[in-house]
Amino acid sequence: MENEVRHSRLELLFQRLNKGVGYAAGIGNLVMGILLFVEVVLRYIFHSPTTWSQEVAIYIFTWTMFAGAAYTLSVGKHIHIDVLVSRLPEKPRRLIEVCTGLLGFLFCAYVTYQAWNFVVLAIQMKKLSATTLRVPIWTIEASVLVGFLLLCIQYMFIVLDRVHKMVKKEGLG
């Protein structure tokens, strides 16, 4: 019982973090849209484009997409094909959900590990973008690290939830 309470508190804390990141990603998309609108006005009406707005928009886009992925998964809005799975009885369907959740977790864990290596290497090499802003590359690569780490945690909670429901249904818990 104590483990279950601790698990639910951790999950609640993570869901709050996830929701906050999801809202931040939404605000990032709004800022990106405004930035690109201003760039279009400056370029085509005033014939005075900026040299930095497209680069900043790409960085905002990168962060919002990777950081917002776990929130999207948590609310069930990721693309999934369930033509066959939806027709299965409950027990095999839940088992498939657990297996796909585990595969998702393993994939995201691998990408997180690789992203960590890329970020560390970019910091060690002091890599900068080859553009006028000269942004440290690790700040962009960190979006992959953060996004996939959040996805790992989200998949972990999904798997735990599905397993808990399976055990509860079978009267084992």
N, C-alpha and C. Protein backbone atom coordinates (compact mmCIF):
# COMPACT_ATOMS: atom_id res chain seq x y z
N MET A 1 0.83 -1.20 0.00
CA MET A 1 0.00 0.00 0.00
C MET A 1 0.87 1.26 0.00
N GLU A 2 1.95 1.26 0.81
CA GLU A 2 2.83 2.42 0.89
C GLU A 2 3.51 2.67 -0.46
N ASN A 3 3.93 1.60 -1.15
CA ASN A 3 4.55 1.74 -2.46
C ASN A 3 3.56 2.33 -3.46
N GLU A 4 2.31 1.90 -3.36
CA GLU A 4 1.27 2.39 -4.26
C GLU A 4 1.04 3.90 -4.06
N VAL A 5 1.03 4.34 -2.80
CA VAL A 5 0.86 5.76 -2.50
C VAL A 5 2.05 6.55 -3.01
N ARG A 6 3.26 6.03 -2.78
CA ARG A 6 4.48 6.70 -3.26
C ARG A 6 4.46 6.79 -4.78
N HIS A 7 4.05 5.69 -5.45
CA HIS A 7 3.96 5.67 -6.91
C HIS A 7 2.96 6.70 -7.40
N SER A 8 1.81 6.78 -6.75
CA SER A 8 0.79 7.73 -7.21
C SER A 8 1.23 9.17 -6.98
N ARG A 9 1.96 9.42 -5.89
CA ARG A 9 2.49 10.78 -5.66
C ARG A 9 3.52 11.16 -6.71
N LEU A 10 4.41 10.21 -7.02
CA LEU A 10 5.41 10.47 -8.06
C LEU A 10 4.74 10.70 -9.41
N GLU A 11 3.75 9.88 -9.70
CA GLU A 11 3.04 10.04 -10.96
C GLU A 11 2.32 11.38 -11.02
N LEU A 12 1.68 11.76 -9.94
CA LEU A 12 0.99 13.05 -9.89
C LEU A 12 1.98 14.20 -10.07
N LEU A 13 3.11 14.11 -9.41
CA LEU A 13 4.15 15.14 -9.55
C LEU A 13 4.63 15.21 -10.99
N PHE A 14 4.88 14.04 -11.59
CA PHE A 14 5.34 14.02 -12.98
C PHE A 14 4.27 14.55 -13.92
N GLN A 15 3.00 14.20 -13.68
CA GLN A 15 1.93 14.69 -14.55
C GLN A 15 1.81 16.21 -14.47
N ARG A 16 2.02 16.76 -13.28
CA ARG A 16 2.01 18.23 -13.15
C ARG A 16 3.17 18.85 -13.93
N LEU A 17 4.35 18.26 -13.78
CA LEU A 17 5.52 18.73 -14.54
C LEU A 17 5.24 18.63 -16.03
N ASN A 18 4.71 17.49 -16.44
CA ASN A 18 4.40 17.23 -17.83
C ASN A 18 3.40 18.24 -18.38
N LYS A 19 2.39 18.53 -17.59
CA LYS A 19 1.37 19.51 -18.01
C LYS A 19 2.00 20.90 -18.15
N GLY A 20 2.85 21.25 -17.20
CA GLY A 20 3.54 22.54 -17.27
C GLY A 20 4.42 22.63 -18.52
N VAL A 21 5.12 21.55 -18.82
CA VAL A 21 5.97 21.53 -20.01
C VAL A 21 5.09 21.59 -21.27
N GLY A 22 3.95 20.91 -21.22
CA GLY A 22 3.02 20.96 -22.35
C GLY A 22 2.52 22.37 -22.61
N TYR A 23 2.16 23.08 -21.54
CA TYR A 23 1.72 24.47 -21.69
C TYR A 23 2.87 25.36 -22.17
N ALA A 24 4.07 25.12 -21.65
CA ALA A 24 5.23 25.89 -22.10
C ALA A 24 5.48 25.66 -23.59
N ALA A 25 5.29 24.42 -24.04
CA ALA A 25 5.45 24.11 -25.47
C ALA A 25 4.40 24.87 -26.29
N GLY A 26 3.19 24.94 -25.78
CA GLY A 26 2.15 25.69 -26.46
C GLY A 26 2.48 27.17 -26.57
N ILE A 27 3.00 27.73 -25.48
CA ILE A 27 3.43 29.13 -25.49
C ILE A 27 4.60 29.32 -26.46
N GLY A 28 5.50 28.33 -26.48
CA GLY A 28 6.62 28.38 -27.43
C GLY A 28 6.13 28.41 -28.86
N ASN A 29 5.10 27.62 -29.16
CA ASN A 29 4.54 27.63 -30.52
C ASN A 29 3.92 28.98 -30.85
N LEU A 30 3.25 29.57 -29.86
CA LEU A 30 2.66 30.90 -30.07
C LEU A 30 3.75 31.94 -30.34
N VAL A 31 4.81 31.92 -29.54
CA VAL A 31 5.93 32.85 -29.73
C VAL A 31 6.55 32.65 -31.11
N MET A 32 6.73 31.39 -31.49
CA MET A 32 7.30 31.09 -32.79
C MET A 32 6.42 31.65 -33.91
N GLY A 33 5.11 31.47 -33.79
CA GLY A 33 4.19 31.99 -34.80
C GLY A 33 4.25 33.50 -34.91
N ILE A 34 4.30 34.18 -33.76
CA ILE A 34 4.40 35.64 -33.75
C ILE A 34 5.72 36.08 -34.37
N LEU A 35 6.79 35.40 -34.00
CA LEU A 35 8.12 35.73 -34.53
C LEU A 35 8.14 35.59 -36.05
N LEU A 36 7.57 34.52 -36.56
CA LEU A 36 7.56 34.32 -38.01
C LEU A 36 6.64 35.31 -38.71
N PHE A 37 5.53 35.67 -38.06
CA PHE A 37 4.64 36.68 -38.63
C PHE A 37 5.36 38.02 -38.75
N VAL A 38 6.06 38.40 -37.68
CA VAL A 38 6.82 39.66 -37.69
C VAL A 38 7.89 39.62 -38.78
N GLU A 39 8.54 38.47 -38.93
CA GLU A 39 9.56 38.33 -39.97
C GLU A 39 8.96 38.51 -41.36
N VAL A 40 7.78 37.95 -41.60
CA VAL A 40 7.13 38.10 -42.91
C VAL A 40 6.80 39.57 -43.16
N VAL A 41 6.27 40.25 -42.15
CA VAL A 41 5.95 41.68 -42.29
C VAL A 41 7.22 42.48 -42.59
N LEU A 42 8.27 42.23 -41.81
CA LEU A 42 9.53 42.95 -42.03
C LEU A 42 10.11 42.67 -43.42
N ARG A 43 10.02 41.42 -43.85
CA ARG A 43 10.63 41.04 -45.12
C ARG A 43 9.85 41.57 -46.32
N TYR A 44 8.53 41.39 -46.34
CA TYR A 44 7.75 41.68 -47.54
C TYR A 44 7.10 43.06 -47.55
N ILE A 45 6.93 43.69 -46.40
CA ILE A 45 6.33 45.02 -46.38
C ILE A 45 7.41 46.09 -46.24
N PHE A 46 8.34 45.86 -45.31
CA PHE A 46 9.39 46.85 -45.07
C PHE A 46 10.70 46.52 -45.79
N HIS A 47 10.76 45.39 -46.46
CA HIS A 47 11.96 44.94 -47.19
C HIS A 47 13.22 44.99 -46.33
N SER A 48 13.03 44.59 -45.07
CA SER A 48 14.14 44.62 -44.11
C SER A 48 14.10 43.36 -43.23
N PRO A 49 14.46 42.20 -43.81
CA PRO A 49 14.37 40.97 -43.03
C PRO A 49 15.44 40.91 -41.93
N THR A 50 15.17 40.11 -40.93
CA THR A 50 16.17 39.90 -39.89
C THR A 50 17.10 38.77 -40.32
N THR A 51 18.23 38.68 -39.67
CA THR A 51 19.18 37.60 -39.97
C THR A 51 19.07 36.46 -38.98
N TRP A 52 18.22 36.63 -37.96
CA TRP A 52 18.20 35.67 -36.87
C TRP A 52 16.86 35.00 -36.62
N SER A 53 15.77 35.55 -37.13
CA SER A 53 14.44 35.05 -36.73
C SER A 53 14.17 33.61 -37.16
N GLN A 54 14.59 33.23 -38.35
CA GLN A 54 14.36 31.85 -38.80
C GLN A 54 15.12 30.87 -37.91
N GLU A 55 16.34 31.19 -37.57
CA GLU A 55 17.13 30.32 -36.70
C GLU A 55 16.48 30.18 -35.32
N VAL A 56 16.05 31.28 -34.75
CA VAL A 56 15.39 31.24 -33.44
C VAL A 56 14.09 30.44 -33.53
N ALA A 57 13.33 30.61 -34.61
CA ALA A 57 12.08 29.86 -34.79
C ALA A 57 12.36 28.36 -34.86
N ILE A 58 13.43 27.97 -35.52
CA ILE A 58 13.79 26.55 -35.61
C ILE A 58 14.14 26.01 -34.23
N TYR A 59 14.87 26.78 -33.44
CA TYR A 59 15.24 26.33 -32.10
C TYR A 59 14.00 26.22 -31.19
N ILE A 60 13.10 27.18 -31.30
CA ILE A 60 11.86 27.12 -30.52
C ILE A 60 11.06 25.90 -30.95
N PHE A 61 10.96 25.68 -32.25
CA PHE A 61 10.22 24.53 -32.77
C PHE A 61 10.81 23.22 -32.24
N THR A 62 12.13 23.11 -32.29
CA THR A 62 12.81 21.90 -31.82
C THR A 62 12.48 21.64 -30.35
N TRP A 63 12.60 22.66 -29.52
CA TRP A 63 12.32 22.49 -28.08
C TRP A 63 10.85 22.17 -27.84
N THR A 64 9.94 22.86 -28.52
CA THR A 64 8.51 22.61 -28.25
C THR A 64 8.10 21.22 -28.69
N MET A 65 8.64 20.74 -29.80
CA MET A 65 8.25 19.41 -30.28
C MET A 65 8.79 18.31 -29.37
N PHE A 66 10.05 18.39 -29.01
CA PHE A 66 10.62 17.34 -28.16
C PHE A 66 10.11 17.42 -26.73
N ALA A 67 10.05 18.62 -26.18
CA ALA A 67 9.60 18.76 -24.79
C ALA A 67 8.11 18.44 -24.66
N GLY A 68 7.34 18.75 -25.67
CA GLY A 68 5.90 18.52 -25.60
C GLY A 68 5.47 17.09 -25.94
N ALA A 69 6.39 16.26 -26.38
CA ALA A 69 6.04 14.89 -26.80
C ALA A 69 5.49 14.05 -25.64
N ALA A 70 6.07 14.16 -24.47
CA ALA A 70 5.60 13.36 -23.33
C ALA A 70 4.20 13.79 -22.91
N TYR A 71 3.94 15.09 -22.95
CA TYR A 71 2.59 15.56 -22.63
C TYR A 71 1.59 15.00 -23.64
N THR A 72 1.96 15.03 -24.91
CA THR A 72 1.10 14.50 -25.96
C THR A 72 0.82 13.01 -25.73
N LEU A 73 1.84 12.26 -25.33
CA LEU A 73 1.66 10.85 -25.03
C LEU A 73 0.75 10.66 -23.81
N SER A 74 0.93 11.49 -22.81
CA SER A 74 0.16 11.34 -21.57
C SER A 74 -1.34 11.57 -21.79
N VAL A 75 -1.70 12.40 -22.74
CA VAL A 75 -3.11 12.65 -23.01
C VAL A 75 -3.64 11.80 -24.17
N GLY A 76 -2.82 10.85 -24.62
CA GLY A 76 -3.26 9.90 -25.64
C GLY A 76 -3.41 10.47 -27.03
N LYS A 77 -2.66 11.49 -27.37
CA LYS A 77 -2.80 12.13 -28.67
C LYS A 77 -1.69 11.76 -29.66
N HIS A 78 -0.83 10.81 -29.27
CA HIS A 78 0.17 10.34 -30.23
C HIS A 78 -0.53 9.48 -31.28
N ILE A 79 0.04 9.46 -32.45
CA ILE A 79 -0.53 8.64 -33.52
C ILE A 79 -0.30 7.18 -33.17
N HIS A 80 -1.35 6.41 -33.23
CA HIS A 80 -1.23 4.97 -33.04
C HIS A 80 -2.26 4.27 -33.91
N ILE A 81 -1.88 3.10 -34.36
CA ILE A 81 -2.75 2.32 -35.23
C ILE A 81 -3.34 1.21 -34.39
N ASP A 82 -4.63 1.24 -34.22
CA ASP A 82 -5.27 0.26 -33.34
C ASP A 82 -6.37 -0.54 -34.04
N VAL A 83 -6.28 -0.66 -35.36
CA VAL A 83 -7.29 -1.39 -36.13
C VAL A 83 -7.43 -2.82 -35.62
N LEU A 84 -6.31 -3.49 -35.41
CA LEU A 84 -6.35 -4.88 -34.95
C LEU A 84 -6.49 -4.97 -33.43
N VAL A 85 -5.73 -4.14 -32.72
CA VAL A 85 -5.71 -4.21 -31.26
C VAL A 85 -7.07 -3.89 -30.66
N SER A 86 -7.79 -2.95 -31.24
CA SER A 86 -9.09 -2.57 -30.69
C SER A 86 -10.13 -3.69 -30.80
N ARG A 87 -9.88 -4.65 -31.67
CA ARG A 87 -10.82 -5.76 -31.85
C ARG A 87 -10.51 -6.96 -30.96
N LEU A 88 -9.40 -6.89 -30.25
CA LEU A 88 -9.01 -8.00 -29.37
C LEU A 88 -9.78 -7.95 -28.05
N PRO A 89 -9.90 -9.09 -27.38
CA PRO A 89 -10.47 -9.08 -26.03
C PRO A 89 -9.56 -8.27 -25.09
N GLU A 90 -10.09 -7.91 -23.94
CA GLU A 90 -9.39 -7.00 -23.03
C GLU A 90 -8.02 -7.50 -22.59
N LYS A 91 -7.91 -8.75 -22.18
CA LYS A 91 -6.64 -9.27 -21.65
C LYS A 91 -5.51 -9.22 -22.69
N PRO A 92 -5.70 -9.75 -23.91
CA PRO A 92 -4.62 -9.65 -24.90
C PRO A 92 -4.33 -8.20 -25.30
N ARG A 93 -5.38 -7.36 -25.32
CA ARG A 93 -5.18 -5.95 -25.66
C ARG A 93 -4.29 -5.27 -24.62
N ARG A 94 -4.56 -5.52 -23.35
CA ARG A 94 -3.74 -4.92 -22.29
C ARG A 94 -2.30 -5.45 -22.34
N LEU A 95 -2.16 -6.73 -22.65
CA LEU A 95 -0.83 -7.32 -22.76
C LEU A 95 -0.04 -6.66 -23.89
N ILE A 96 -0.70 -6.43 -25.01
CA ILE A 96 -0.05 -5.74 -26.14
C ILE A 96 0.30 -4.31 -25.74
N GLU A 97 -0.58 -3.64 -25.00
CA GLU A 97 -0.29 -2.28 -24.53
C GLU A 97 0.93 -2.26 -23.62
N VAL A 98 1.06 -3.27 -22.77
CA VAL A 98 2.23 -3.36 -21.90
C VAL A 98 3.49 -3.57 -22.74
N CYS A 99 3.41 -4.48 -23.71
CA CYS A 99 4.57 -4.76 -24.56
C CYS A 99 4.98 -3.54 -25.39
N THR A 100 4.01 -2.86 -25.99
CA THR A 100 4.35 -1.67 -26.78
C THR A 100 4.87 -0.55 -25.88
N GLY A 101 4.34 -0.46 -24.67
CA GLY A 101 4.86 0.52 -23.71
C GLY A 101 6.30 0.23 -23.33
N LEU A 102 6.61 -1.05 -23.13
CA LEU A 102 7.99 -1.45 -22.82
C LEU A 102 8.92 -1.15 -23.99
N LEU A 103 8.45 -1.45 -25.21
CA LEU A 103 9.26 -1.14 -26.39
C LEU A 103 9.48 0.37 -26.52
N GLY A 104 8.43 1.13 -26.29
CA GLY A 104 8.56 2.59 -26.33
C GLY A 104 9.55 3.08 -25.29
N PHE A 105 9.46 2.52 -24.09
CA PHE A 105 10.39 2.88 -23.02
C PHE A 105 11.83 2.56 -23.42
N LEU A 106 12.06 1.36 -23.93
CA LEU A 106 13.42 0.95 -24.31
C LEU A 106 13.98 1.83 -25.43
N PHE A 107 13.15 2.11 -26.42
CA PHE A 107 13.58 2.98 -27.51
C PHE A 107 13.93 4.37 -26.99
N CYS A 108 13.06 4.94 -26.17
CA CYS A 108 13.29 6.28 -25.62
C CYS A 108 14.51 6.30 -24.70
N ALA A 109 14.72 5.22 -23.95
CA ALA A 109 15.90 5.14 -23.08
C ALA A 109 17.17 5.13 -23.93
N TYR A 110 17.15 4.40 -25.04
CA TYR A 110 18.32 4.37 -25.92
C TYR A 110 18.59 5.75 -26.52
N VAL A 111 17.54 6.42 -27.00
CA VAL A 111 17.70 7.75 -27.58
C VAL A 111 18.18 8.74 -26.50
N THR A 112 17.65 8.61 -25.28
CA THR A 112 18.09 9.48 -24.18
C THR A 112 19.57 9.30 -23.92
N TYR A 113 20.02 8.06 -23.87
CA TYR A 113 21.45 7.77 -23.65
C TYR A 113 22.30 8.37 -24.75
N GLN A 114 21.89 8.19 -26.00
CA GLN A 114 22.65 8.74 -27.13
C GLN A 114 22.62 10.28 -27.10
N ALA A 115 21.49 10.84 -26.77
CA ALA A 115 21.38 12.30 -26.70
C ALA A 115 22.31 12.85 -25.61
N TRP A 116 22.38 12.14 -24.48
CA TRP A 116 23.29 12.55 -23.41
C TRP A 116 24.72 12.60 -23.95
N ASN A 117 25.12 11.58 -24.70
CA ASN A 117 26.47 11.54 -25.27
C ASN A 117 26.70 12.72 -26.22
N PHE A 118 25.70 13.03 -27.03
CA PHE A 118 25.82 14.15 -27.96
C PHE A 118 25.95 15.48 -27.22
N VAL A 119 25.15 15.66 -26.19
CA VAL A 119 25.20 16.91 -25.42
C VAL A 119 26.56 17.06 -24.74
N VAL A 120 27.04 16.01 -24.11
CA VAL A 120 28.34 16.05 -23.43
C VAL A 120 29.45 16.37 -24.45
N LEU A 121 29.41 15.71 -25.59
CA LEU A 121 30.42 15.95 -26.62
C LEU A 121 30.37 17.39 -27.13
N ALA A 122 29.16 17.91 -27.34
CA ALA A 122 29.01 19.29 -27.82
C ALA A 122 29.55 20.29 -26.80
N ILE A 123 29.35 19.99 -25.50
CA ILE A 123 29.89 20.87 -24.45
C ILE A 123 31.41 20.79 -24.43
N GLN A 124 31.94 19.57 -24.48
CA GLN A 124 33.40 19.38 -24.45
C GLN A 124 34.09 20.04 -25.63
N MET A 125 33.46 19.95 -26.80
CA MET A 125 34.07 20.51 -28.01
C MET A 125 33.74 21.98 -28.21
N LYS A 126 32.88 22.52 -27.33
CA LYS A 126 32.46 23.93 -27.42
C LYS A 126 31.89 24.25 -28.81
N LYS A 127 31.04 23.34 -29.30
CA LYS A 127 30.45 23.50 -30.63
C LYS A 127 29.45 24.64 -30.63
N LEU A 128 29.49 25.44 -31.70
CA LEU A 128 28.56 26.55 -31.89
C LEU A 128 27.87 26.38 -33.23
N SER A 129 26.67 26.95 -33.35
CA SER A 129 25.97 26.88 -34.63
C SER A 129 26.76 27.68 -35.67
N ALA A 130 26.65 27.25 -36.91
CA ALA A 130 27.40 27.90 -38.00
C ALA A 130 26.59 29.05 -38.59
N THR A 131 25.91 29.79 -37.72
CA THR A 131 25.07 30.90 -38.16
C THR A 131 25.52 32.18 -37.46
N THR A 132 24.83 33.25 -37.76
CA THR A 132 25.21 34.54 -37.17
C THR A 132 25.05 34.58 -35.65
N LEU A 133 24.12 33.80 -35.10
CA LEU A 133 23.89 33.83 -33.65
C LEU A 133 24.95 33.06 -32.86
N ARG A 134 25.60 32.08 -33.50
CA ARG A 134 26.64 31.28 -32.83
C ARG A 134 26.14 30.69 -31.51
N VAL A 135 25.00 30.04 -31.56
CA VAL A 135 24.37 29.43 -30.38
C VAL A 135 25.13 28.16 -30.03
N PRO A 136 25.40 27.93 -28.75
CA PRO A 136 26.03 26.66 -28.36
C PRO A 136 25.13 25.49 -28.77
N ILE A 137 25.68 24.56 -29.51
CA ILE A 137 24.91 23.43 -30.05
C ILE A 137 24.27 22.59 -28.96
N TRP A 138 24.91 22.50 -27.81
CA TRP A 138 24.35 21.65 -26.75
C TRP A 138 22.98 22.14 -26.31
N THR A 139 22.71 23.44 -26.43
CA THR A 139 21.40 23.95 -26.01
C THR A 139 20.29 23.46 -26.93
N ILE A 140 20.63 23.14 -28.17
CA ILE A 140 19.65 22.61 -29.11
C ILE A 140 19.55 21.09 -28.94
N GLU A 141 20.70 20.44 -28.83
CA GLU A 141 20.71 18.99 -28.65
C GLU A 141 20.08 18.57 -27.33
N ALA A 142 20.11 19.44 -26.35
CA ALA A 142 19.50 19.13 -25.05
C ALA A 142 17.99 18.96 -25.17
N SER A 143 17.39 19.52 -26.20
CA SER A 143 15.95 19.34 -26.40
C SER A 143 15.62 17.86 -26.65
N VAL A 144 16.48 17.17 -27.37
CA VAL A 144 16.27 15.74 -27.61
C VAL A 144 16.43 14.98 -26.30
N LEU A 145 17.46 15.33 -25.54
CA LEU A 145 17.71 14.68 -24.24
C LEU A 145 16.52 14.86 -23.30
N VAL A 146 16.08 16.07 -23.13
CA VAL A 146 14.96 16.36 -22.22
C VAL A 146 13.67 15.71 -22.72
N GLY A 147 13.39 15.85 -24.00
CA GLY A 147 12.17 15.28 -24.56
C GLY A 147 12.09 13.77 -24.41
N PHE A 148 13.16 13.08 -24.74
CA PHE A 148 13.13 11.63 -24.64
C PHE A 148 13.22 11.13 -23.21
N LEU A 149 13.86 11.89 -22.33
CA LEU A 149 13.85 11.53 -20.92
C LEU A 149 12.43 11.61 -20.37
N LEU A 150 11.72 12.67 -20.71
CA LEU A 150 10.32 12.80 -20.29
C LEU A 150 9.45 11.69 -20.89
N LEU A 151 9.73 11.33 -22.13
CA LEU A 151 8.99 10.22 -22.75
C LEU A 151 9.27 8.90 -22.03
N CYS A 152 10.53 8.68 -21.64
CA CYS A 152 10.89 7.47 -20.88
C CYS A 152 10.05 7.38 -19.61
N ILE A 153 10.01 8.46 -18.88
CA ILE A 153 9.27 8.47 -17.62
C ILE A 153 7.79 8.26 -17.88
N GLN A 154 7.26 8.90 -18.92
CA GLN A 154 5.84 8.74 -19.25
C GLN A 154 5.54 7.29 -19.63
N TYR A 155 6.39 6.68 -20.43
CA TYR A 155 6.19 5.26 -20.79
C TYR A 155 6.25 4.37 -19.56
N MET A 156 7.16 4.68 -18.63
CA MET A 156 7.26 3.90 -17.41
C MET A 156 5.93 3.93 -16.65
N PHE A 157 5.35 5.12 -16.51
CA PHE A 157 4.06 5.23 -15.81
C PHE A 157 2.94 4.53 -16.58
N ILE A 158 2.99 4.58 -17.90
CA ILE A 158 1.97 3.89 -18.71
C ILE A 158 2.06 2.39 -18.48
N VAL A 159 3.27 1.85 -18.52
CA VAL A 159 3.46 0.41 -18.32
C VAL A 159 3.01 0.01 -16.92
N LEU A 160 3.42 0.78 -15.91
CA LEU A 160 3.02 0.47 -14.54
C LEU A 160 1.49 0.51 -14.39
N ASP A 161 0.86 1.47 -15.02
CA ASP A 161 -0.59 1.58 -14.97
C ASP A 161 -1.26 0.38 -15.62
N ARG A 162 -0.79 -0.02 -16.80
CA ARG A 162 -1.39 -1.16 -17.50
C ARG A 162 -1.18 -2.46 -16.72
N VAL A 163 0.02 -2.65 -16.16
CA VAL A 163 0.29 -3.85 -15.37
C VAL A 163 -0.60 -3.86 -14.13
N HIS A 164 -0.72 -2.72 -13.48
CA HIS A 164 -1.56 -2.61 -12.28
C HIS A 164 -3.02 -2.98 -12.62
N LYS A 165 -3.52 -2.49 -13.74
CA LYS A 165 -4.89 -2.79 -14.15
C LYS A 165 -5.05 -4.27 -14.47
N MET A 166 -4.03 -4.88 -15.10
CA MET A 166 -4.10 -6.30 -15.40
C MET A 166 -4.14 -7.13 -14.13
N VAL A 167 -3.28 -6.79 -13.18
CA VAL A 167 -3.21 -7.53 -11.91
C VAL A 167 -4.52 -7.35 -11.14
N LYS A 168 -5.04 -6.14 -11.14
CA LYS A 168 -6.29 -5.86 -10.41
C LYS A 168 -7.45 -6.65 -11.02
N LYS A 169 -7.50 -6.71 -12.36
CA LYS A 169 -8.57 -7.43 -13.06
C LYS A 169 -8.54 -8.92 -12.75
N GLU A 170 -7.33 -9.47 -12.63
CA GLU A 170 -7.20 -10.91 -12.38
C GLU A 170 -7.31 -11.24 -10.90
N GLY A 171 -7.46 -10.23 -10.08
CA GLY A 171 -7.64 -10.45 -8.64
C GLY A 171 -6.37 -10.90 -7.93
N LEU A 172 -5.23 -10.50 -8.51
CA LEU A 172 -3.96 -10.88 -7.89
C LEU A 172 -3.48 -9.83 -6.90
N GLY A 173 -4.08 -8.64 -6.93
CA GLY A 173 -3.58 -7.58 -6.06
C GLY A 173 -4.60 -7.06 -5.13
